[in-house]
């Protein structure tokens, strides 16, 4: 009996791969990587990150949080209306297709789907898609509580993913300063897919997929659904180094998520509080985006030309520069004992000693450190550095 249940559960989870959001997200992750590499080759004559980086990590970066939220949602019994999931799917896919992931946070699609759900109820609208009838529902009652809690949990996941992975995949972009010189900004544009196990009420799935595993709670029937939630993120840093900016940004997002989750949970006592929590999440997420955008637009560039050396704007993977431990934002002041102030002087100095390269570098704290590496044939032509000119 247990084996049969596990087999049926596996079949049910396999239906996750029938959701169009899975393939649309994968396709647009590939497109993000394609356009990024195209821009990098145009500006720097080299790709900084592998073209499939975004597609490779669209599931990997968030799978731990998908498991955590799945366990929480099933353990505390977050019953999500199946018709709301359909409405949310439409908005989620639309946001992905827009290719503007400044509004890609799941909180926005969740809130708009909740509003759409209520409008359909208020005007008695209904739609039929593939034999499923989508009808609205009053969100003033207990319906809004699990939706708001789920929104808070997804905000927490989003924040931690940004904190951990935002800077890792930031791509340099060449821009002109107000004085006409070159400087760098760093852009992260990503889609993350979180497959989350949810509980939905009724026998909607059982009617069309009779093999779907179900369980009962009292006199009600419930089904388990593995549902794809998409988190989009797009942000750039220029006033701050990416390695400092994105962890700080992500921390603010997950802190907001904790507040939203806690406030939404109070909705079990008074559902209106959960509605307020959802609105708080939307406003708070917009404020974080706007404040950080304005802060990075003002002030000087963190990576710009320096008079006392050559500023590192990027380090290619598996290159001599990476093996030497060179980092973005550091300034190379001497190569093989020779002072350097531009890219040409740097590579001329490298060729002084074709077998061994010694670099004197000012780190982010202004402290001088020595880096050296044995160069093999042709290595002096491809140190793997993207430099500010």
Protein backbone atom coordinates (compact mmCIF):
# COMPACT_ATOMS: atom_id res chain seq x y z
CA UNK A 1 0.00 0.00 0.00
CA UNK A 2 2.78 2.41 0.96
CA UNK A 3 4.64 1.58 -2.23
CA UNK A 4 1.56 2.31 -4.33
CA UNK A 5 1.07 5.66 -2.61
CA UNK A 6 4.71 6.59 -3.26
CA UNK A 7 4.37 5.63 -6.92
CA UNK A 8 1.22 7.69 -7.29
CA UNK A 9 2.89 10.61 -5.51
CA UNK A 10 5.84 10.39 -7.89
CA UNK A 11 3.46 10.45 -10.84
CA UNK A 12 1.69 13.44 -9.38
CA UNK A 13 4.94 15.35 -8.85
CA UNK A 14 5.93 14.50 -12.42
CA UNK A 15 3.01 16.63 -13.64
CA UNK A 16 5.07 19.64 -12.50
CA UNK A 17 6.87 19.34 -15.82
CA UNK A 18 3.64 19.92 -17.72
CA UNK A 19 3.37 23.50 -16.42
CA UNK A 20 4.35 25.94 -19.22
CA UNK A 21 6.14 28.24 -16.74
CA UNK A 22 8.91 25.64 -16.36
CA UNK A 23 9.85 25.76 -20.04
CA UNK A 24 9.20 29.46 -20.52
CA UNK A 25 11.49 30.25 -17.58
CA UNK A 26 14.19 27.96 -18.96
CA UNK A 27 13.91 29.51 -22.43
CA UNK A 28 14.14 33.06 -21.12
CA UNK A 29 17.06 32.14 -18.86
CA UNK A 30 18.86 30.98 -21.99
CA UNK A 31 17.96 34.25 -23.73
CA UNK A 32 19.27 36.28 -20.79
CA UNK A 33 22.61 34.48 -21.09
CA UNK A 34 22.67 34.89 -24.87
CA UNK A 35 22.12 38.66 -24.80
CA UNK A 36 24.58 39.06 -21.91
CA UNK A 37 27.36 37.22 -23.76
CA UNK A 38 26.59 39.20 -26.92
CA UNK A 39 27.00 42.47 -25.01
CA UNK A 40 30.16 41.31 -23.23
CA UNK A 41 31.82 40.27 -26.49
CA UNK A 42 30.92 43.61 -28.05
CA UNK A 43 32.31 45.67 -25.17
CA UNK A 44 35.22 43.52 -23.96
CA UNK A 45 35.89 41.08 -26.84
CA UNK A 46 35.38 38.22 -24.38
CA UNK A 47 32.55 36.62 -22.43
CA UNK A 48 32.87 37.02 -18.67
CA UNK A 49 30.53 34.17 -17.74
CA UNK A 50 29.60 31.02 -19.63
CA UNK A 51 26.54 31.63 -21.80
CA UNK A 52 24.54 28.88 -20.08
CA UNK A 53 25.18 30.22 -16.57
CA UNK A 54 21.68 31.64 -16.09
CA UNK A 55 20.00 28.51 -17.48
CA UNK A 56 22.17 26.22 -15.38
CA UNK A 57 21.31 27.98 -12.14
CA UNK A 58 17.63 28.79 -12.69
CA UNK A 59 16.75 25.69 -10.61
CA UNK A 60 19.98 25.04 -8.70
CA UNK A 61 20.14 28.34 -6.81
CA UNK A 62 16.73 28.00 -5.20
CA UNK A 63 16.13 24.27 -4.74
CA UNK A 64 17.01 24.33 -1.02
CA UNK A 65 14.46 27.05 -0.38
CA UNK A 66 11.91 25.20 -2.50
CA UNK A 67 12.28 22.21 -0.18
CA UNK A 68 12.09 24.37 2.96
CA UNK A 69 8.93 26.18 1.84
CA UNK A 70 7.36 22.89 0.68
CA UNK A 71 7.91 21.32 4.10
CA UNK A 72 6.52 24.38 5.88
CA UNK A 73 3.47 24.73 3.62
CA UNK A 74 2.47 21.07 3.96
CA UNK A 75 3.34 20.86 7.68
CA UNK A 76 1.22 23.85 8.73
CA UNK A 77 -1.49 23.12 6.17
CA UNK A 78 -1.35 26.11 3.82
CA UNK A 79 -4.36 25.28 1.65
CA UNK A 80 -4.06 27.33 -1.57
CA UNK A 81 -7.12 27.66 -3.86
CA UNK A 82 -6.44 25.85 -7.13
CA UNK A 83 -8.29 28.50 -9.15
CA UNK A 84 -6.08 31.21 -7.63
CA UNK A 85 -3.01 29.24 -8.75
CA UNK A 86 -4.33 29.36 -12.31
CA UNK A 87 -4.82 33.12 -12.14
CA UNK A 88 -1.37 33.52 -10.61
CA UNK A 89 0.15 31.39 -13.39
CA UNK A 90 -1.17 33.80 -16.03
CA UNK A 91 0.39 36.82 -14.31
CA UNK A 92 3.63 34.98 -13.54
CA UNK A 93 4.10 33.93 -17.17
CA UNK A 94 3.24 37.45 -18.36
CA UNK A 95 5.94 38.96 -16.11
CA UNK A 96 8.50 36.49 -17.49
CA UNK A 97 7.57 37.33 -21.07
CA UNK A 98 7.98 41.06 -20.40
CA UNK A 99 11.74 40.51 -19.92
CA UNK A 100 11.71 43.33 -17.29
CA UNK A 101 12.65 41.60 -14.09
CA UNK A 102 12.75 44.71 -11.91
CA UNK A 103 9.14 43.67 -11.27
CA UNK A 104 9.94 39.97 -11.20
CA UNK A 105 9.58 39.47 -7.44
CA UNK A 106 6.92 36.85 -6.73
CA UNK A 107 5.19 39.27 -4.33
CA UNK A 108 3.96 41.40 -7.26
CA UNK A 109 2.37 38.56 -9.23
CA UNK A 110 0.87 37.12 -6.04
CA UNK A 111 -0.72 40.45 -5.08
CA UNK A 112 -2.04 41.14 -8.59
CA UNK A 113 -3.42 37.60 -8.82
CA UNK A 114 -5.18 38.09 -5.47
CA UNK A 115 -6.70 41.37 -6.70
CA UNK A 116 -7.75 39.71 -9.98
CA UNK A 117 -9.25 36.84 -8.00
CA UNK A 118 -11.38 39.27 -5.99
CA UNK A 119 -12.44 41.34 -9.04
CA UNK A 120 -13.62 38.15 -10.75
CA UNK A 121 -15.66 37.37 -7.63
CA UNK A 122 -17.04 40.90 -7.32
CA UNK A 123 -18.21 41.06 -10.95
CA UNK A 124 -19.12 37.35 -11.10
CA UNK A 125 -16.70 36.68 -13.95
CA UNK A 126 -15.62 33.17 -14.85
CA UNK A 127 -13.40 31.64 -17.53
CA UNK A 128 -12.96 28.14 -18.88
CA UNK A 129 -9.46 26.90 -19.79
CA UNK A 130 -8.95 23.29 -20.91
CA UNK A 131 -12.20 22.20 -19.23
CA UNK A 132 -11.24 23.93 -15.96
CA UNK A 133 -13.58 26.69 -14.88
CA UNK A 134 -11.83 29.60 -13.21
CA UNK A 135 -14.05 31.59 -10.86
CA UNK A 136 -13.20 34.34 -8.41
CA UNK A 137 -13.43 34.15 -4.65
CA UNK A 138 -13.85 36.61 -1.81
CA UNK A 139 -10.39 37.26 -0.36
CA UNK A 140 -11.71 39.10 2.70
CA UNK A 141 -12.04 35.76 4.46
CA UNK A 142 -9.58 32.98 5.29
CA UNK A 143 -8.59 32.58 1.62
CA UNK A 144 -6.09 35.45 1.81
CA UNK A 145 -4.24 34.08 4.85
CA UNK A 146 -2.29 31.19 3.24
CA UNK A 147 -1.67 33.30 0.11
CA UNK A 148 -0.10 36.11 2.19
CA UNK A 149 1.99 33.66 4.24
CA UNK A 150 3.23 32.03 1.02
CA UNK A 151 4.13 35.49 -0.33
CA UNK A 152 6.18 36.20 2.81
CA UNK A 153 8.01 32.85 2.56
CA UNK A 154 8.85 33.50 -1.08
CA UNK A 155 10.21 36.96 -0.15
CA UNK A 156 12.48 35.32 2.42
CA UNK A 157 13.71 32.85 -0.20
CA UNK A 158 14.22 35.64 -2.74
CA UNK A 159 16.29 37.66 -0.28
CA UNK A 160 18.61 34.80 0.64
CA UNK A 161 19.08 33.82 -3.02
CA UNK A 162 20.01 37.41 -3.92
CA UNK A 163 22.32 37.63 -0.92
CA UNK A 164 24.17 34.45 -1.90
CA UNK A 165 24.12 34.53 -5.70
CA UNK A 166 23.50 38.14 -6.76
CA UNK A 167 27.14 39.23 -6.88
CA UNK A 168 28.46 35.93 -8.25
CA UNK A 169 26.66 36.37 -11.54
CA UNK A 170 26.93 40.14 -11.89
CA UNK A 171 28.11 41.11 -15.38
CA UNK A 172 30.19 44.26 -16.00
CA UNK A 173 28.80 46.85 -18.36
CA UNK A 174 30.83 49.70 -19.83
CA UNK A 175 29.30 53.15 -19.31
CA UNK A 176 30.37 56.75 -19.77
CA UNK A 177 30.71 59.04 -16.77
CA UNK A 178 29.54 62.66 -16.72
CA UNK A 179 33.14 63.67 -17.57
CA UNK A 180 33.28 61.40 -20.60
CA UNK A 181 35.60 58.75 -19.17
CA UNK A 182 34.86 55.02 -19.01
CA UNK A 183 33.57 53.32 -15.89
CA UNK A 184 31.84 50.09 -14.97
CA UNK A 185 28.48 49.11 -13.59
CA UNK A 186 27.53 45.55 -12.66
CA UNK A 187 24.23 44.02 -13.72
CA UNK A 188 22.50 40.94 -12.37
CA UNK A 189 19.50 39.77 -14.39
CA UNK A 190 18.15 36.39 -13.38
CA UNK A 191 15.17 34.06 -13.27
CA UNK A 192 14.89 31.50 -10.49
CA UNK A 193 12.35 28.67 -10.45
CA UNK A 194 11.18 27.21 -7.14
CA UNK A 195 9.11 23.99 -7.36
CA UNK A 196 7.00 24.08 -4.19
CA UNK A 197 4.70 21.36 -2.91
CA UNK A 198 1.29 22.83 -2.06
CA UNK A 199 -1.99 21.58 -0.65
CA UNK A 200 -5.11 22.48 -2.65
CA UNK A 201 -8.72 21.82 -1.59
CA UNK A 202 -11.42 19.76 -3.25
CA UNK A 203 -11.27 17.12 -5.97
CA UNK A 204 -10.48 19.38 -8.94
CA UNK A 205 -7.38 17.43 -9.88
CA UNK A 206 -8.94 14.08 -9.03
CA UNK A 207 -11.69 14.73 -11.57
CA UNK A 208 -9.25 15.12 -14.46
CA UNK A 209 -6.28 13.12 -13.13
CA UNK A 210 -7.79 10.30 -11.06
CA UNK A 211 -4.38 8.84 -10.19
CA UNK A 212 -3.35 12.04 -8.37
CA UNK A 213 -2.61 11.32 -4.66
CA UNK A 214 -5.16 12.82 -2.27
CA UNK A 215 -5.80 12.79 1.44
CA UNK A 216 -8.76 13.78 3.60
CA UNK A 217 -8.95 16.08 6.61
CA UNK A 218 -12.28 15.64 8.34
CA UNK A 219 -14.87 15.70 5.59
CA UNK A 220 -12.75 17.71 3.12
CA UNK A 221 -10.62 16.28 0.33
CA UNK A 222 -7.21 17.73 -0.54
CA UNK A 223 -4.57 17.14 -3.19
CA UNK A 224 -0.83 17.75 -3.30
CA UNK A 225 0.50 19.83 -6.19
CA UNK A 226 4.13 20.54 -7.08
CA UNK A 227 3.81 24.06 -8.42
CA UNK A 228 6.51 26.24 -10.08
CA UNK A 229 6.99 29.71 -8.61
CA UNK A 230 9.20 32.10 -10.56
CA UNK A 231 11.35 34.83 -9.02
CA UNK A 232 12.77 37.42 -11.38
CA UNK A 233 15.51 39.82 -10.38
CA UNK A 234 17.26 42.68 -12.15
CA UNK A 235 19.49 45.24 -10.47
CA UNK A 236 22.76 47.05 -11.14
CA UNK A 237 25.46 48.43 -8.89
CA UNK A 238 27.90 51.17 -9.76
CA UNK A 239 28.48 53.25 -6.63
CA UNK A 240 29.15 50.08 -4.60
CA UNK A 241 31.11 46.96 -5.48
CA UNK A 242 28.82 44.10 -6.45
CA UNK A 243 30.21 41.86 -3.71
CA UNK A 244 29.08 44.42 -1.12
CA UNK A 245 25.89 45.67 -2.76
CA UNK A 246 23.96 42.49 -3.53
CA UNK A 247 24.38 40.78 -0.12
CA UNK A 248 23.13 43.97 1.54
CA UNK A 249 20.23 44.20 -0.93
CA UNK A 250 19.26 40.58 -0.35
CA UNK A 251 19.36 41.02 3.43
CA UNK A 252 16.78 43.81 3.22
CA UNK A 253 14.50 41.63 1.10
CA UNK A 254 14.53 38.62 3.45
CA UNK A 255 14.05 40.86 6.47
CA UNK A 256 10.95 42.27 4.76
CA UNK A 257 9.85 38.69 4.06
CA UNK A 258 10.04 37.77 7.75
CA UNK A 259 7.89 40.78 8.67
CA UNK A 260 5.31 39.93 6.00
CA UNK A 261 5.17 36.26 7.06
CA UNK A 262 4.70 37.06 10.75
CA UNK A 263 2.04 39.71 10.11
CA UNK A 264 0.25 37.44 7.63
CA UNK A 265 0.16 34.62 10.19
CA UNK A 266 -1.81 36.88 12.54
CA UNK A 267 -4.49 36.78 9.86
CA UNK A 268 -5.67 33.44 11.25
CA UNK A 269 -7.21 35.59 14.00
CA UNK A 270 -8.32 38.45 11.74
CA UNK A 271 -8.04 37.80 7.95
CA UNK A 272 -7.89 41.52 7.15
CA UNK A 273 -4.43 41.61 8.74
CA UNK A 274 -3.16 39.15 6.11
CA UNK A 275 -4.45 41.44 3.39
CA UNK A 276 -2.54 44.30 5.01
CA UNK A 277 0.58 42.08 5.18
CA UNK A 278 0.36 41.39 1.43
CA UNK A 279 0.04 45.12 0.68
CA UNK A 280 2.95 45.80 3.05
CA UNK A 281 5.06 43.29 1.12
CA UNK A 282 4.35 44.94 -2.23
CA UNK A 283 5.03 48.46 -0.93
CA UNK A 284 8.14 47.38 0.97
CA UNK A 285 9.58 45.55 -2.03
CA UNK A 286 8.98 48.59 -4.25
CA UNK A 287 10.65 50.86 -1.70
CA UNK A 288 13.73 48.63 -1.48
CA UNK A 289 14.09 48.60 -5.28
CA UNK A 290 13.60 52.36 -5.61
CA UNK A 291 15.91 53.35 -2.73
CA UNK A 292 18.73 51.06 -3.87
CA UNK A 293 18.34 52.19 -7.48
CA UNK A 294 18.59 55.86 -6.46
CA UNK A 295 21.53 55.19 -4.17
CA UNK A 296 23.49 53.47 -6.91
CA UNK A 297 22.68 56.19 -9.44
CA UNK A 298 24.25 58.87 -7.24
CA UNK A 299 27.86 59.30 -6.27
CA UNK A 300 31.07 58.16 -7.88
CA UNK A 301 31.72 54.86 -9.64
CA UNK A 302 33.36 52.17 -7.54
CA UNK A 303 35.22 50.86 -10.62
CA UNK A 304 36.64 53.69 -12.72
CA UNK A 305 40.05 54.80 -14.12
CA UNK A 306 42.72 55.50 -11.52
CA UNK A 307 45.76 57.75 -11.91
CA UNK A 308 48.03 55.54 -9.81
CA UNK A 309 47.40 52.23 -11.59
CA UNK A 310 45.07 50.02 -13.62
CA UNK A 311 41.66 49.17 -12.19
CA UNK A 312 40.38 45.60 -12.50
CA UNK A 313 36.83 45.48 -13.90
CA UNK A 314 36.52 41.73 -14.38
CA UNK A 315 38.34 38.44 -13.96
CA UNK A 316 37.77 35.57 -16.39
CA UNK A 317 37.24 32.13 -14.90
CA UNK A 318 40.09 29.61 -14.98
CA UNK A 319 42.60 32.30 -15.97
CA UNK A 320 46.02 33.25 -14.54
CA UNK A 321 44.34 36.33 -13.00
CA UNK A 322 41.81 34.14 -11.14
CA UNK A 323 44.60 31.81 -9.97
CA UNK A 324 46.46 34.82 -8.58
CA UNK A 325 43.39 35.76 -6.56
CA UNK A 326 42.84 39.11 -8.25
CA UNK A 327 39.45 40.71 -7.56
CA UNK A 328 37.18 43.28 -9.16
CA UNK A 329 37.82 46.77 -7.82
CA UNK A 330 41.49 46.19 -7.04
CA UNK A 331 44.13 48.41 -8.63
CA UNK A 332 47.34 47.06 -10.20
CA UNK A 333 50.15 49.56 -9.56
CA UNK A 334 53.26 47.59 -10.57
CA UNK A 335 54.01 44.64 -12.86
CA UNK A 336 57.43 42.99 -12.62
CA UNK A 337 58.70 46.07 -10.78
CA UNK A 338 57.42 48.51 -13.43
CA UNK A 339 54.79 51.15 -12.65
CA UNK A 340 51.73 50.86 -14.89
CA UNK A 341 48.94 53.34 -15.58
CA UNK A 342 47.08 51.77 -18.52
CA UNK A 343 46.47 48.44 -20.25
CA UNK A 344 49.28 48.82 -22.79
CA UNK A 345 51.88 49.51 -20.09
CA UNK A 346 50.59 46.54 -18.10
CA UNK A 347 51.04 44.01 -20.91
CA UNK A 348 54.38 45.47 -21.92
CA UNK A 349 55.55 45.00 -18.33
CA UNK A 350 54.23 41.43 -18.28
CA UNK A 351 56.50 40.56 -21.22
CA UNK A 352 59.58 41.69 -19.29
CA UNK A 353 59.51 38.30 -17.63
CA UNK A 354 57.65 35.87 -19.87
CA UNK A 355 58.02 33.01 -17.37
CA UNK A 356 56.98 34.67 -14.14
CA UNK A 357 54.57 37.53 -13.42
CA UNK A 358 54.74 39.62 -10.24
CA UNK A 359 51.94 42.09 -9.54
CA UNK A 360 51.69 44.71 -6.82
CA UNK A 361 48.03 45.37 -6.14
CA UNK A 362 46.08 47.81 -3.97
CA UNK A 363 43.15 45.94 -2.45
CA UNK A 364 39.75 47.34 -1.47
CA UNK A 365 41.18 48.64 1.81
CA UNK A 366 44.05 50.47 0.07
CA UNK A 367 46.61 47.97 1.35
CA UNK A 368 49.39 46.80 -0.96
CA UNK A 369 49.72 43.09 -1.59
CA UNK A 370 51.92 40.99 -3.86
CA UNK A 371 50.54 38.47 -6.34
CA UNK A 372 52.64 36.24 -8.57
CA UNK A 373 52.08 33.41 -10.99
CA UNK A 374 54.10 31.24 -13.34
CA UNK A 375 53.10 32.03 -16.93
CA UNK A 376 53.05 29.38 -19.60
CA UNK A 377 53.22 29.84 -23.33
CA UNK A 378 50.89 32.62 -24.55
CA UNK A 379 49.63 33.29 -21.00
CA UNK A 380 51.00 36.85 -21.12
CA UNK A 381 48.52 37.56 -23.93
CA UNK A 382 45.54 36.32 -21.92
CA UNK A 383 45.93 37.04 -18.23
CA UNK A 384 42.17 36.96 -18.04
CA UNK A 385 41.69 40.56 -16.91
CA UNK A 386 39.01 43.03 -17.96
CA UNK A 387 40.51 46.45 -17.27
CA UNK A 388 39.07 49.96 -17.07
CA UNK A 389 40.68 52.05 -19.80
